[in-house]
PDB file of N, CA and C in Angstrom:
ATOM      1  N   UNK A   1      47.852-110.559 119.741  1.00  0.00           N
ATOM      2  CA  UNK A   1      48.381-109.807 120.848  1.00  0.00           C
ATOM      3  C   UNK A   1      48.465-110.685 122.090  1.00  0.00           C
ATOM      4  N   UNK A   2      49.605-110.665 122.782  1.00  0.00           N
ATOM      5  CA  UNK A   2      49.817-111.494 123.968  1.00  0.00           C
ATOM      6  C   UNK A   2      49.014-110.943 125.141  1.00  0.00           C
ATOM      7  N   UNK A   3      48.519-111.842 126.015  1.00  0.00           N
ATOM      8  CA  UNK A   3      47.776-111.359 127.182  1.00  0.00           C
ATOM      9  C   UNK A   3      48.696-110.557 128.095  1.00  0.00           C
ATOM     10  N   UNK A   4      48.103-109.635 128.826  1.00  0.00           N
ATOM     11  CA  UNK A   4      48.873-108.784 129.735  1.00  0.00           C
ATOM     12  C   UNK A   4      49.212-109.503 131.020  1.00  0.00           C
ATOM     13  N   UNK A   5      49.806-108.779 131.949  1.00  0.00           N
ATOM     14  CA  UNK A   5      50.161-109.374 133.230  1.00  0.00           C
ATOM     15  C   UNK A   5      48.926-109.818 134.010  1.00  0.00           C
ATOM     16  N   UNK A   6      49.111-110.822 134.865  1.00  0.00           N
ATOM     17  CA  UNK A   6      48.013-111.308 135.698  1.00  0.00           C
ATOM     18  C   UNK A   6      47.595-110.242 136.704  1.00  0.00           C
ATOM     19  N   UNK A   7      48.576-109.530 137.232  1.00  0.00           N
ATOM     20  CA  UNK A   7      48.323-108.485 138.214  1.00  0.00           C
ATOM     21  C   UNK A   7      49.341-107.382 137.980  1.00  0.00           C
ATOM     22  N   UNK A   8      48.905-106.151 138.083  1.00  0.00           N
ATOM     23  CA  UNK A   8      49.810-105.016 137.867  1.00  0.00           C
ATOM     24  C   UNK A   8      49.326-103.819 138.658  1.00  0.00           C
ATOM     25  N   UNK A   9      50.235-102.902 138.875  1.00  0.00           N
ATOM     26  CA  UNK A   9      49.854-101.603 139.412  1.00  0.00           C
ATOM     27  C   UNK A   9      50.571-100.551 138.585  1.00  0.00           C
ATOM     28  N   UNK A  10      49.913 -99.435 138.393  1.00  0.00           N
ATOM     29  CA  UNK A  10      50.423 -98.337 137.578  1.00  0.00           C
ATOM     30  C   UNK A  10      50.383 -97.051 138.390  1.00  0.00           C
ATOM     31  N   UNK A  11      51.555 -96.432 138.571  1.00  0.00           N
ATOM     32  CA  UNK A  11      51.669 -95.155 139.292  1.00  0.00           C
ATOM     33  C   UNK A  11      50.944 -95.216 140.640  1.00  0.00           C
ATOM     34  N   UNK A  12      51.103 -96.340 141.338  1.00  0.00           N
ATOM     35  CA  UNK A  12      50.379 -96.593 142.581  1.00  0.00           C
ATOM     36  C   UNK A  12      50.980 -95.816 143.747  1.00  0.00           C
ATOM     37  N   UNK A  13      50.109 -95.158 144.483  1.00  0.00           N
ATOM     38  CA  UNK A  13      50.493 -94.515 145.737  1.00  0.00           C
ATOM     39  C   UNK A  13      49.530 -95.002 146.807  1.00  0.00           C
ATOM     40  N   UNK A  14      50.070 -95.275 147.999  1.00  0.00           N
ATOM     41  CA  UNK A  14      49.271 -95.781 149.107  1.00  0.00           C
ATOM     42  C   UNK A  14      49.531 -94.939 150.347  1.00  0.00           C
ATOM     43  N   UNK A  15      48.464 -94.708 151.084  1.00  0.00           N
ATOM     44  CA  UNK A  15      48.567 -93.959 152.336  1.00  0.00           C
ATOM     45  C   UNK A  15      48.034 -94.825 153.469  1.00  0.00           C
ATOM     46  N   UNK A  16      48.649 -94.689 154.613  1.00  0.00           N
ATOM     47  CA  UNK A  16      48.181 -95.378 155.816  1.00  0.00           C
ATOM     48  C   UNK A  16      48.599 -94.533 157.014  1.00  0.00           C
ATOM     49  N   UNK A  17      47.731 -94.457 157.986  1.00  0.00           N
ATOM     50  CA  UNK A  17      48.046 -93.695 159.175  1.00  0.00           C
ATOM     51  C   UNK A  17      48.349 -92.235 158.891  1.00  0.00           C
ATOM     52  N   UNK A  18      47.721 -91.680 157.840  1.00  0.00           N
ATOM     53  CA  UNK A  18      47.912 -90.275 157.525  1.00  0.00           C
ATOM     54  C   UNK A  18      49.209 -89.938 156.813  1.00  0.00           C
ATOM     55  N   UNK A  19      49.952 -90.955 156.386  1.00  0.00           N
ATOM     56  CA  UNK A  19      51.201 -90.674 155.659  1.00  0.00           C
ATOM     57  C   UNK A  19      51.304 -91.527 154.407  1.00  0.00           C
ATOM     58  N   UNK A  20      52.068 -91.041 153.448  1.00  0.00           N
ATOM     59  CA  UNK A  20      52.286 -91.780 152.213  1.00  0.00           C
ATOM     60  C   UNK A  20      53.298 -92.878 152.481  1.00  0.00           C
ATOM     61  N   UNK A  21      52.904 -94.124 152.176  1.00  0.00           N
ATOM     62  CA  UNK A  21      53.749 -95.289 152.409  1.00  0.00           C
ATOM     63  C   UNK A  21      54.441 -95.700 151.110  1.00  0.00           C
ATOM     64  N   UNK A  22      53.699 -95.650 150.016  1.00  0.00           N
ATOM     65  CA  UNK A  22      54.208 -96.032 148.692  1.00  0.00           C
ATOM     66  C   UNK A  22      53.844 -94.900 147.743  1.00  0.00           C
ATOM     67  N   UNK A  23      54.795 -94.532 146.885  1.00  0.00           N
ATOM     68  CA  UNK A  23      54.529 -93.428 145.968  1.00  0.00           C
ATOM     69  C   UNK A  23      54.992 -93.772 144.559  1.00  0.00           C
ATOM     70  N   UNK A  24      54.064 -93.648 143.600  1.00  0.00           N
ATOM     71  CA  UNK A  24      54.343 -93.789 142.171  1.00  0.00           C
ATOM     72  C   UNK A  24      55.031 -95.109 141.806  1.00  0.00           C
ATOM     73  N   UNK A  25      54.463 -96.217 142.282  1.00  0.00           N
ATOM     74  CA  UNK A  25      55.028 -97.548 142.036  1.00  0.00           C
ATOM     75  C   UNK A  25      54.329 -98.208 140.853  1.00  0.00           C
ATOM     76  N   UNK A  26      55.114 -98.752 139.931  1.00  0.00           N
ATOM     77  CA  UNK A  26      54.583 -99.524 138.813  1.00  0.00           C
ATOM     78  C   UNK A  26      55.235-100.902 138.843  1.00  0.00           C
ATOM     79  N   UNK A  27      54.392-101.941 138.875  1.00  0.00           N
ATOM     80  CA  UNK A  27      54.854-103.337 138.912  1.00  0.00           C
ATOM     81  C   UNK A  27      53.969-104.179 138.006  1.00  0.00           C
ATOM     82  N   UNK A  28      54.527-105.295 137.532  1.00  0.00           N
ATOM     83  CA  UNK A  28      53.745-106.280 136.781  1.00  0.00           C
ATOM     84  C   UNK A  28      54.114-107.672 137.260  1.00  0.00           C
ATOM     85  N   UNK A  29      53.102-108.518 137.405  1.00  0.00           N
ATOM     86  CA  UNK A  29      53.295-109.904 137.792  1.00  0.00           C
ATOM     87  C   UNK A  29      52.681-110.785 136.711  1.00  0.00           C
ATOM     88  N   UNK A  30      53.493-111.610 136.091  1.00  0.00           N
ATOM     89  CA  UNK A  30      53.022-112.478 135.009  1.00  0.00           C
ATOM     90  C   UNK A  30      52.352-113.727 135.573  1.00  0.00           C
ATOM     91  N   UNK A  31      51.457-114.348 134.807  1.00  0.00           N
ATOM     92  CA  UNK A  31      50.811-115.586 135.272  1.00  0.00           C
ATOM     93  C   UNK A  31      51.869-116.622 135.652  1.00  0.00           C
ATOM     94  N   UNK A  32      51.718-117.221 136.832  1.00  0.00           N
ATOM     95  CA  UNK A  32      52.630-118.257 137.301  1.00  0.00           C
ATOM     96  C   UNK A  32      53.935-117.742 137.891  1.00  0.00           C
ATOM     97  N   UNK A  33      54.164-116.461 137.818  1.00  0.00           N
ATOM     98  CA  UNK A  33      55.405-115.887 138.336  1.00  0.00           C
ATOM     99  C   UNK A  33      55.400-115.916 139.866  1.00  0.00           C
ATOM    100  N   UNK A  34      56.566-116.196 140.441  1.00  0.00           N
ATOM    101  CA  UNK A  34      56.725-116.164 141.894  1.00  0.00           C
ATOM    102  C   UNK A  34      57.601-114.978 142.244  1.00  0.00           C
ATOM    103  N   UNK A  35      57.158-114.236 143.222  1.00  0.00           N
ATOM    104  CA  UNK A  35      57.841-112.999 143.587  1.00  0.00           C
ATOM    105  C   UNK A  35      58.016-112.966 145.104  1.00  0.00           C
ATOM    106  N   UNK A  36      59.180-112.538 145.558  1.00  0.00           N
ATOM    107  CA  UNK A  36      59.428-112.331 146.986  1.00  0.00           C
ATOM    108  C   UNK A  36      59.438-110.839 147.240  1.00  0.00           C
ATOM    109  N   UNK A  37      58.668-110.416 148.196  1.00  0.00           N
ATOM    110  CA  UNK A  37      58.611-109.010 148.590  1.00  0.00           C
ATOM    111  C   UNK A  37      59.333-108.903 149.925  1.00  0.00           C
ATOM    112  N   UNK A  38      60.452-108.229 149.910  1.00  0.00           N
ATOM    113  CA  UNK A  38      61.282-108.170 151.107  1.00  0.00           C
ATOM    114  C   UNK A  38      61.552-106.718 151.497  1.00  0.00           C
ATOM    115  N   UNK A  39      61.709-106.490 152.774  1.00  0.00           N
ATOM    116  CA  UNK A  39      62.036-105.170 153.278  1.00  0.00           C
ATOM    117  C   UNK A  39      61.887-105.147 154.779  1.00  0.00           C
ATOM    118  N   UNK A  40      62.425-104.120 155.407  1.00  0.00           N
ATOM    119  CA  UNK A  40      62.335-104.043 156.866  1.00  0.00           C
ATOM    120  C   UNK A  40      60.908-103.793 157.330  1.00  0.00           C
ATOM    121  N   UNK A  41      60.668-104.053 158.590  1.00  0.00           N
ATOM    122  CA  UNK A  41      59.372-103.791 159.188  1.00  0.00           C
ATOM    123  C   UNK A  41      59.013-102.325 158.992  1.00  0.00           C
ATOM    124  N   UNK A  42      57.771-102.088 158.550  1.00  0.00           N
ATOM    125  CA  UNK A  42      57.309-100.729 158.357  1.00  0.00           C
ATOM    126  C   UNK A  42      57.625-100.131 157.001  1.00  0.00           C
ATOM    127  N   UNK A  43      58.186-100.941 156.088  1.00  0.00           N
ATOM    128  CA  UNK A  43      58.568-100.393 154.780  1.00  0.00           C
ATOM    129  C   UNK A  43      57.434-100.370 153.766  1.00  0.00           C
ATOM    130  N   UNK A  44      56.272-100.962 154.104  1.00  0.00           N
ATOM    131  CA  UNK A  44      55.122-100.883 153.214  1.00  0.00           C
ATOM    132  C   UNK A  44      54.734-102.179 152.533  1.00  0.00           C
ATOM    133  N   UNK A  45      55.341-103.297 152.920  1.00  0.00           N
ATOM    134  CA  UNK A  45      55.024-104.579 152.279  1.00  0.00           C
ATOM    135  C   UNK A  45      53.548-104.933 152.440  1.00  0.00           C
ATOM    136  N   UNK A  46      53.050-104.893 153.654  1.00  0.00           N
ATOM    137  CA  UNK A  46      51.650-105.242 153.905  1.00  0.00           C
ATOM    138  C   UNK A  46      50.712-104.244 153.256  1.00  0.00           C
ATOM    139  N   UNK A  47      51.049-102.973 153.294  1.00  0.00           N
ATOM    140  CA  UNK A  47      50.222-101.958 152.642  1.00  0.00           C
ATOM    141  C   UNK A  47      50.138-102.234 151.149  1.00  0.00           C
ATOM    142  N   UNK A  48      51.258-102.555 150.524  1.00  0.00           N
ATOM    143  CA  UNK A  48      51.252-102.868 149.095  1.00  0.00           C
ATOM    144  C   UNK A  48      50.397-104.095 148.813  1.00  0.00           C
ATOM    145  N   UNK A  49      50.590-105.157 149.567  1.00  0.00           N
ATOM    146  CA  UNK A  49      49.836-106.388 149.309  1.00  0.00           C
ATOM    147  C   UNK A  49      48.342-106.208 149.525  1.00  0.00           C
ATOM    148  N   UNK A  50      47.958-105.499 150.575  1.00  0.00           N
ATOM    149  CA  UNK A  50      46.521-105.299 150.794  1.00  0.00           C
ATOM    150  C   UNK A  50      45.913-104.409 149.709  1.00  0.00           C
ATOM    151  N   UNK A  51      46.699-103.500 149.167  1.00  0.00           N
ATOM    152  CA  UNK A  51      46.213-102.668 148.060  1.00  0.00           C
ATOM    153  C   UNK A  51      46.105-103.490 146.789  1.00  0.00           C
ATOM    154  N   UNK A  52      47.106-104.316 146.499  1.00  0.00           N
ATOM    155  CA  UNK A  52      47.055-105.163 145.305  1.00  0.00           C
ATOM    156  C   UNK A  52      45.894-106.157 145.373  1.00  0.00           C
ATOM    157  N   UNK A  53      45.563-106.616 146.577  1.00  0.00           N
ATOM    158  CA  UNK A  53      44.464-107.568 146.745  1.00  0.00           C
ATOM    159  C   UNK A  53      43.100-106.883 146.720  1.00  0.00           C
ATOM    160  N   UNK A  54      43.079-105.554 146.648  1.00  0.00           N
ATOM    161  CA  UNK A  54      41.815-104.836 146.592  1.00  0.00           C
ATOM    162  C   UNK A  54      41.181-104.589 147.940  1.00  0.00           C
ATOM    163  N   UNK A  55      41.921-104.820 149.019  1.00  0.00           N
ATOM    164  CA  UNK A  55      41.378-104.607 150.357  1.00  0.00           C
ATOM    165  C   UNK A  55      41.555-103.176 150.842  1.00  0.00           C
ATOM    166  N   UNK A  56      42.511-102.477 150.268  1.00  0.00           N
ATOM    167  CA  UNK A  56      42.785-101.084 150.613  1.00  0.00           C
ATOM    168  C   UNK A  56      42.789-100.285 149.317  1.00  0.00           C
ATOM    169  N   UNK A  57      41.976 -99.249 149.214  1.00  0.00           N
ATOM    170  CA  UNK A  57      41.962 -98.474 147.965  1.00  0.00           C
ATOM    171  C   UNK A  57      43.255 -97.658 147.826  1.00  0.00           C
ATOM    172  N   UNK A  58      43.788 -97.566 146.623  1.00  0.00           N
ATOM    173  CA  UNK A  58      45.002 -96.754 146.430  1.00  0.00           C
ATOM    174  C   UNK A  58      44.691 -95.268 146.602  1.00  0.00           C
ATOM    175  N   UNK A  59      45.690 -94.530 147.071  1.00  0.00           N
ATOM    176  CA  UNK A  59      45.551 -93.076 147.163  1.00  0.00           C
ATOM    177  C   UNK A  59      45.638 -92.469 145.772  1.00  0.00           C
ATOM    178  N   UNK A  60      46.392 -93.116 144.901  1.00  0.00           N
ATOM    179  CA  UNK A  60      46.527 -92.680 143.501  1.00  0.00           C
ATOM    180  C   UNK A  60      46.970 -93.884 142.689  1.00  0.00           C
ATOM    181  N   UNK A  61      46.781 -93.806 141.391  1.00  0.00           N
ATOM    182  CA  UNK A  61      47.177 -94.898 140.513  1.00  0.00           C
ATOM    183  C   UNK A  61      46.118 -95.978 140.449  1.00  0.00           C
ATOM    184  N   UNK A  62      46.492 -97.094 139.847  1.00  0.00           N
ATOM    185  CA  UNK A  62      45.522 -98.171 139.627  1.00  0.00           C
ATOM    186  C   UNK A  62      46.133 -99.531 139.856  1.00  0.00           C
ATOM    187  N   UNK A  63      45.274-100.464 140.264  1.00  0.00           N
ATOM    188  CA  UNK A  63      45.612-101.883 140.337  1.00  0.00           C
ATOM    189  C   UNK A  63      44.809-102.555 139.236  1.00  0.00           C
ATOM    190  N   UNK A  64      45.480-103.411 138.452  1.00  0.00           N
ATOM    191  CA  UNK A  64      44.820-104.099 137.338  1.00  0.00           C
ATOM    192  C   UNK A  64      44.947-105.610 137.502  1.00  0.00           C
ATOM    193  N   UNK A  65      43.866-106.301 137.293  1.00  0.00           N
ATOM    194  CA  UNK A  65      43.850-107.769 137.288  1.00  0.00           C
ATOM    195  C   UNK A  65      43.540-108.201 135.865  1.00  0.00           C
ATOM    196  N   UNK A  66      44.493-108.863 135.221  1.00  0.00           N
ATOM    197  CA  UNK A  66      44.299-109.262 133.834  1.00  0.00           C
ATOM    198  C   UNK A  66      44.115-108.077 132.910  1.00  0.00           C
ATOM    199  N   UNK A  67      44.704-106.943 133.263  1.00  0.00           N
ATOM    200  CA  UNK A  67      44.611-105.747 132.448  1.00  0.00           C
ATOM    201  C   UNK A  67      43.393-104.882 132.716  1.00  0.00           C
ATOM    202  N   UNK A  68      42.520-105.330 133.614  1.00  0.00           N
ATOM    203  CA  UNK A  68      41.286-104.590 133.916  1.00  0.00           C
ATOM    204  C   UNK A  68      41.436-103.902 135.275  1.00  0.00           C
ATOM    205  N   UNK A  69      41.200-102.597 135.346  1.00  0.00           N
ATOM    206  CA  UNK A  69      41.309-101.887 136.623  1.00  0.00           C
ATOM    207  C   UNK A  69      40.298-102.398 137.651  1.00  0.00           C
ATOM    208  N   UNK A  70      40.777-102.674 138.876  1.00  0.00           N
ATOM    209  CA  UNK A  70      39.888-103.154 139.937  1.00  0.00           C
ATOM    210  C   UNK A  70      38.818-102.136 140.297  1.00  0.00           C
ATOM    211  N   UNK A  71      39.130-100.854 140.160  1.00  0.00           N
ATOM    212  CA  UNK A  71      38.120 -99.854 140.512  1.00  0.00           C
ATOM    213  C   UNK A  71      36.981 -99.815 139.506  1.00  0.00           C
ATOM    214  N   UNK A  72      37.193-100.347 138.303  1.00  0.00           N
ATOM    215  CA  UNK A  72      36.125-100.410 137.304  1.00  0.00           C
ATOM    216  C   UNK A  72      35.324-101.698 137.399  1.00  0.00           C
ATOM    217  N   UNK A  73      35.964-102.775 137.857  1.00  0.00           N
ATOM    218  CA  UNK A  73      35.281-104.064 138.005  1.00  0.00           C
ATOM    219  C   UNK A  73      35.685-104.692 139.330  1.00  0.00           C
ATOM    220  N   UNK A  74      35.124-104.188 140.450  1.00  0.00           N
ATOM    221  CA  UNK A  74      35.520-104.678 141.772  1.00  0.00           C
ATOM    222  C   UNK A  74      35.270-106.165 141.981  1.00  0.00           C
ATOM    223  N   UNK A  75      34.391-106.768 141.177  1.00  0.00           N
ATOM    224  CA  UNK A  75      34.143-108.211 141.328  1.00  0.00           C
ATOM    225  C   UNK A  75      35.389-109.035 141.007  1.00  0.00           C
ATOM    226  N   UNK A  76      36.366-108.440 140.329  1.00  0.00           N
ATOM    227  CA  UNK A  76      37.619-109.144 140.041  1.00  0.00           C
ATOM    228  C   UNK A  76      38.412-109.441 141.309  1.00  0.00           C
ATOM    229  N   UNK A  77      38.108-108.720 142.388  1.00  0.00           N
ATOM    230  CA  UNK A  77      38.789-108.981 143.660  1.00  0.00           C
ATOM    231  C   UNK A  77      38.558-110.405 144.133  1.00  0.00           C
ATOM    232  N   UNK A  78      37.457-111.007 143.711  1.00  0.00           N
ATOM    233  CA  UNK A  78      37.156-112.377 144.118  1.00  0.00           C
ATOM    234  C   UNK A  78      38.219-113.350 143.625  1.00  0.00           C
ATOM    235  N   UNK A  79      38.939-112.994 142.572  1.00  0.00           N
ATOM    236  CA  UNK A  79      39.999-113.853 142.048  1.00  0.00           C
ATOM    237  C   UNK A  79      41.355-113.599 142.668  1.00  0.00           C
ATOM    238  N   UNK A  80      41.414-112.691 143.623  1.00  0.00           N
ATOM    239  CA  UNK A  80      42.668-112.364 144.292  1.00  0.00           C
ATOM    240  C   UNK A  80      42.624-112.877 145.722  1.00  0.00           C
ATOM    241  N   UNK A  81      43.761-113.308 146.230  1.00  0.00           N
ATOM    242  CA  UNK A  81      43.819-113.800 147.609  1.00  0.00           C
ATOM    243  C   UNK A  81      45.079-113.297 148.283  1.00  0.00           C
ATOM    244  N   UNK A  82      44.999-113.169 149.565  1.00  0.00           N
ATOM    245  CA  UNK A  82      46.116-112.715 150.372  1.00  0.00           C
ATOM    246  C   UNK A  82      46.131-113.551 151.638  1.00  0.00           C
ATOM    247  N   UNK A  83      47.256-114.156 151.946  1.00  0.00           N
ATOM    248  CA  UNK A  83      47.402-114.950 153.163  1.00  0.00           C
ATOM    249  C   UNK A  83      48.356-114.198 154.077  1.00  0.00           C
ATOM    250  N   UNK A  84      47.862-113.768 155.217  1.00  0.00           N
ATOM    251  CA  UNK A  84      48.681-113.014 156.145  1.00  0.00           C
ATOM    252  C   UNK A  84      49.630-113.938 156.910  1.00  0.00           C
ATOM    253  N   UNK A  85      50.736-113.381 157.353  1.00  0.00           N
ATOM    254  CA  UNK A  85      51.746-114.137 158.083  1.00  0.00           C
ATOM    255  C   UNK A  85      51.152-114.737 159.354  1.00  0.00           C
ATOM    256  N   UNK A  86      50.380-113.973 160.064  1.00  0.00           N
ATOM    257  CA  UNK A  86      49.690-114.492 161.238  1.00  0.00           C
ATOM    258  C   UNK A  86      48.197-114.343 160.984  1.00  0.00           C
ATOM    259  N   UNK A  87      47.459-115.357 161.333  1.00  0.00           N
ATOM    260  CA  UNK A  87      46.037-115.318 161.033  1.00  0.00           C
ATOM    261  C   UNK A  87      45.332-114.333 161.951  1.00  0.00           C
ATOM    262  N   UNK A  88      44.189-113.872 161.501  1.00  0.00           N
ATOM    263  CA  UNK A  88      43.470-112.857 162.245  1.00  0.00           C
ATOM    264  C   UNK A  88      42.045-113.259 162.562  1.00  0.00           C
ATOM    265  N   UNK A  89      41.839-114.503 162.955  1.00  0.00           N
ATOM    266  CA  UNK A  89      40.484-114.923 163.303  1.00  0.00           C
ATOM    267  C   UNK A  89      40.091-114.321 164.643  1.00  0.00           C
ATOM    268  N   UNK A  90      38.834-113.994 164.764  1.00  0.00           N
ATOM    269  CA  UNK A  90      38.300-113.483 166.017  1.00  0.00           C
ATOM    270  C   UNK A  90      37.807-114.674 166.829  1.00  0.00           C
ATOM    271  N   UNK A  91      38.469-114.939 167.940  1.00  0.00           N
ATOM    272  CA  UNK A  91      38.212-116.165 168.702  1.00  0.00           C
ATOM    273  C   UNK A  91      36.803-116.240 169.274  1.00  0.00           C
ATOM    274  N   UNK A  92      36.136-115.126 169.445  1.00  0.00           N
ATOM    275  CA  UNK A  92      34.780-115.144 169.995  1.00  0.00           C
ATOM    276  C   UNK A  92      33.723-115.457 168.943  1.00  0.00           C
ATOM    277  N   UNK A  93      34.121-115.504 167.664  1.00  0.00           N
ATOM    278  CA  UNK A  93      33.176-115.752 166.579  1.00  0.00           C
ATOM    279  C   UNK A  93      33.334-117.169 166.049  1.00  0.00           C
ATOM    280  N   UNK A  94      32.267-117.685 165.464  1.00  0.00           N
ATOM    281  CA  UNK A  94      32.330-118.979 164.789  1.00  0.00           C
ATOM    282  C   UNK A  94      33.093-118.821 163.470  1.00  0.00           C
ATOM    283  N   UNK A  95      33.408-119.935 162.831  1.00  0.00           N
ATOM    284  CA  UNK A  95      34.077-119.882 161.527  1.00  0.00           C
ATOM    285  C   UNK A  95      33.224-119.108 160.527  1.00  0.00           C
ATOM    286  N   UNK A  96      31.927-119.379 160.512  1.00  0.00           N
ATOM    287  CA  UNK A  96      31.025-118.679 159.588  1.00  0.00           C
ATOM    288  C   UNK A  96      31.008-117.185 159.871  1.00  0.00           C
ATOM    289  N   UNK A  97      30.962-116.818 161.134  1.00  0.00           N
ATOM    290  CA  UNK A  97      30.941-115.398 161.488  1.00  0.00           C
ATOM    291  C   UNK A  97      32.245-114.704 161.097  1.00  0.00           C
ATOM    292  N   UNK A  98      33.375-115.392 161.218  1.00  0.00           N
ATOM    293  CA  UNK A  98      34.656-114.825 160.787  1.00  0.00           C
ATOM    294  C   UNK A  98      34.653-114.560 159.291  1.00  0.00           C
ATOM    295  N   UNK A  99      34.105-115.486 158.510  1.00  0.00           N
ATOM    296  CA  UNK A  99      34.025-115.292 157.063  1.00  0.00           C
ATOM    297  C   UNK A  99      33.071-114.147 156.750  1.00  0.00           C
ATOM    298  N   UNK A 100      31.964-114.091 157.451  1.00  0.00           N
ATOM    299  CA  UNK A 100      30.990-113.013 157.246  1.00  0.00           C
ATOM    300  C   UNK A 100      31.607-111.642 157.526  1.00  0.00           C
ATOM    301  N   UNK A 101      32.425-111.544 158.560  1.00  0.00           N
ATOM    302  CA  UNK A 101      33.073-110.268 158.885  1.00  0.00           C
ATOM    303  C   UNK A 101      33.899-109.781 157.697  1.00  0.00           C
ATOM    304  N   UNK A 102      34.662-110.695 157.094  1.00  0.00           N
ATOM    305  CA  UNK A 102      35.483-110.320 155.938  1.00  0.00           C
ATOM    306  C   UNK A 102      34.610-109.895 154.764  1.00  0.00           C
ATOM    307  N   UNK A 103      33.532-110.610 154.528  1.00  0.00           N
ATOM    308  CA  UNK A 103      32.628-110.257 153.426  1.00  0.00           C
ATOM    309  C   UNK A 103      31.947-108.918 153.676  1.00  0.00           C
ATOM    310  N   UNK A 104      31.564-108.663 154.916  1.00  0.00           N
ATOM    311  CA  UNK A 104      30.945-107.369 155.250  1.00  0.00           C
ATOM    312  C   UNK A 104      31.954-106.245 155.071  1.00  0.00           C
ATOM    313  N   UNK A 105      33.218-106.492 155.449  1.00  0.00           N
ATOM    314  CA  UNK A 105      34.264-105.475 155.274  1.00  0.00           C
ATOM    315  C   UNK A 105      34.485-105.185 153.799  1.00  0.00           C
ATOM    316  N   UNK A 106      34.225-106.172 152.947  1.00  0.00           N
ATOM    317  CA  UNK A 106      34.361-105.997 151.502  1.00  0.00           C
ATOM    318  C   UNK A 106      33.121-105.354 150.885  1.00  0.00           C
ATOM    319  N   UNK A 107      32.131-105.005 151.733  1.00  0.00           N
ATOM    320  CA  UNK A 107      30.965-104.280 151.232  1.00  0.00           C
ATOM    321  C   UNK A 107      29.746-105.119 150.931  1.00  0.00           C
ATOM    322  N   UNK A 108      29.764-106.408 151.275  1.00  0.00           N
ATOM    323  CA  UNK A 108      28.582-107.242 151.020  1.00  0.00           C
ATOM    324  C   UNK A 108      27.499-106.966 152.055  1.00  0.00           C
ATOM    325  N   UNK A 109      26.245-106.954 151.645  1.00  0.00           N
ATOM    326  CA  UNK A 109      25.150-106.785 152.598  1.00  0.00           C
ATOM    327  C   UNK A 109      25.086-107.983 153.557  1.00  0.00           C
ATOM    328  N   UNK A 110      24.530-107.794 154.757  1.00  0.00           N
ATOM    329  CA  UNK A 110      24.529-108.855 155.771  1.00  0.00           C
ATOM    330  C   UNK A 110      23.971-110.203 155.302  1.00  0.00           C
ATOM    331  N   UNK A 111      22.818-110.195 154.670  1.00  0.00           N
ATOM    332  CA  UNK A 111      22.223-111.485 154.245  1.00  0.00           C
ATOM    333  C   UNK A 111      23.060-112.164 153.170  1.00  0.00           C
ATOM    334  N   UNK A 112      23.600-111.380 152.248  1.00  0.00           N
ATOM    335  CA  UNK A 112      24.444-111.946 151.210  1.00  0.00           C
ATOM    336  C   UNK A 112      25.734-112.494 151.816  1.00  0.00           C
ATOM    337  N   UNK A 113      26.307-111.768 152.787  1.00  0.00           N
ATOM    338  CA  UNK A 113      27.521-112.235 153.457  1.00  0.00           C
ATOM    339  C   UNK A 113      27.275-113.568 154.156  1.00  0.00           C
ATOM    340  N   UNK A 114      26.118-113.689 154.807  1.00  0.00           N
ATOM    341  CA  UNK A 114      25.783-114.931 155.501  1.00  0.00           C
ATOM    342  C   UNK A 114      25.658-116.086 154.505  1.00  0.00           C
ATOM    343  N   UNK A 115      24.978-115.825 153.396  1.00  0.00           N
ATOM    344  CA  UNK A 115      24.792-116.867 152.374  1.00  0.00           C
ATOM    345  C   UNK A 115      26.129-117.274 151.755  1.00  0.00           C
ATOM    346  N   UNK A 116      26.935-116.294 151.381  1.00  0.00           N
ATOM    347  CA  UNK A 116      28.227-116.584 150.753  1.00  0.00           C
ATOM    348  C   UNK A 116      29.173-117.309 151.710  1.00  0.00           C
ATOM    349  N   UNK A 117      29.145-116.927 152.978  1.00  0.00           N
ATOM    350  CA  UNK A 117      29.983-117.593 153.980  1.00  0.00           C
ATOM    351  C   UNK A 117      29.585-119.058 154.107  1.00  0.00           C
ATOM    352  N   UNK A 118      28.288-119.314 154.183  1.00  0.00           N
ATOM    353  CA  UNK A 118      27.804-120.689 154.299  1.00  0.00           C
ATOM    354  C   UNK A 118      28.204-121.513 153.067  1.00  0.00           C
ATOM    355  N   UNK A 119      28.069-120.930 151.886  1.00  0.00           N
ATOM    356  CA  UNK A 119      28.454-121.635 150.657  1.00  0.00           C
ATOM    357  C   UNK A 119      29.946-121.943 150.629  1.00  0.00           C
ATOM    358  N   UNK A 120      30.765-120.972 151.020  1.00  0.00           N
ATOM    359  CA  UNK A 120      32.215-121.175 151.003  1.00  0.00           C
ATOM    360  C   UNK A 120      32.622-122.259 151.990  1.00  0.00           C
ATOM    361  N   UNK A 121      32.085-122.207 153.189  1.00  0.00           N
ATOM    362  CA  UNK A 121      32.435-123.207 154.198  1.00  0.00           C
ATOM    363  C   UNK A 121      31.933-124.591 153.803  1.00  0.00           C
ATOM    364  N   UNK A 122      30.790-124.643 153.149  1.00  0.00           N
ATOM    365  CA  UNK A 122      30.266-125.921 152.663  1.00  0.00           C
ATOM    366  C   UNK A 122      31.201-126.520 151.612  1.00  0.00           C
ATOM    367  N   UNK A 123      31.671-125.675 150.678  1.00  0.00           N
ATOM    368  CA  UNK A 123      32.605-126.153 149.643  1.00  0.00           C
ATOM    369  C   UNK A 123      33.897-126.686 150.254  1.00  0.00           C
ATOM    370  N   UNK A 124      34.306-126.086 151.377  1.00  0.00           N
ATOM    371  CA  UNK A 124      35.548-126.508 152.038  1.00  0.00           C
ATOM    372  C   UNK A 124      35.323-127.664 153.005  1.00  0.00           C
ATOM    373  N   UNK A 125      34.067-128.034 153.220  1.00  0.00           N
ATOM    374  CA  UNK A 125      33.756-129.118 154.157  1.00  0.00           C
ATOM    375  C   UNK A 125      33.933-128.716 155.605  1.00  0.00           C
ATOM    376  N   UNK A 126      33.760-127.421 155.883  1.00  0.00           N
ATOM    377  CA  UNK A 126      33.924-126.915 157.256  1.00  0.00           C
ATOM    378  C   UNK A 126      32.559-126.714 157.871  1.00  0.00           C
TER     379      UNK A 126
END
């Protein structure tokens, strides 16, 4: 049996600001595939990407990484990345503190976030 898509969503619906942005969307992305997501401002591109990356929970449906639902194995989010068009660093924080903020937003406890941030920055030579 051939491996499934690297990333997929099934019957995905997303809400933001109290309204439905995406409804009943099914997509598959194969390993190594390049995809352009295009649309006017406010059409849901960022909402879709943040949901696929596991940063925003879907209102309905599922996101799958390698065929495994992210809601069943949230640690799979570590293998997903999202690069925003404009960076969102907080200028009053150090590099480590900026990384810690993201880890805390992902649900990591404070001490673990501090340790993981230090390890990541060390690996990057920062």
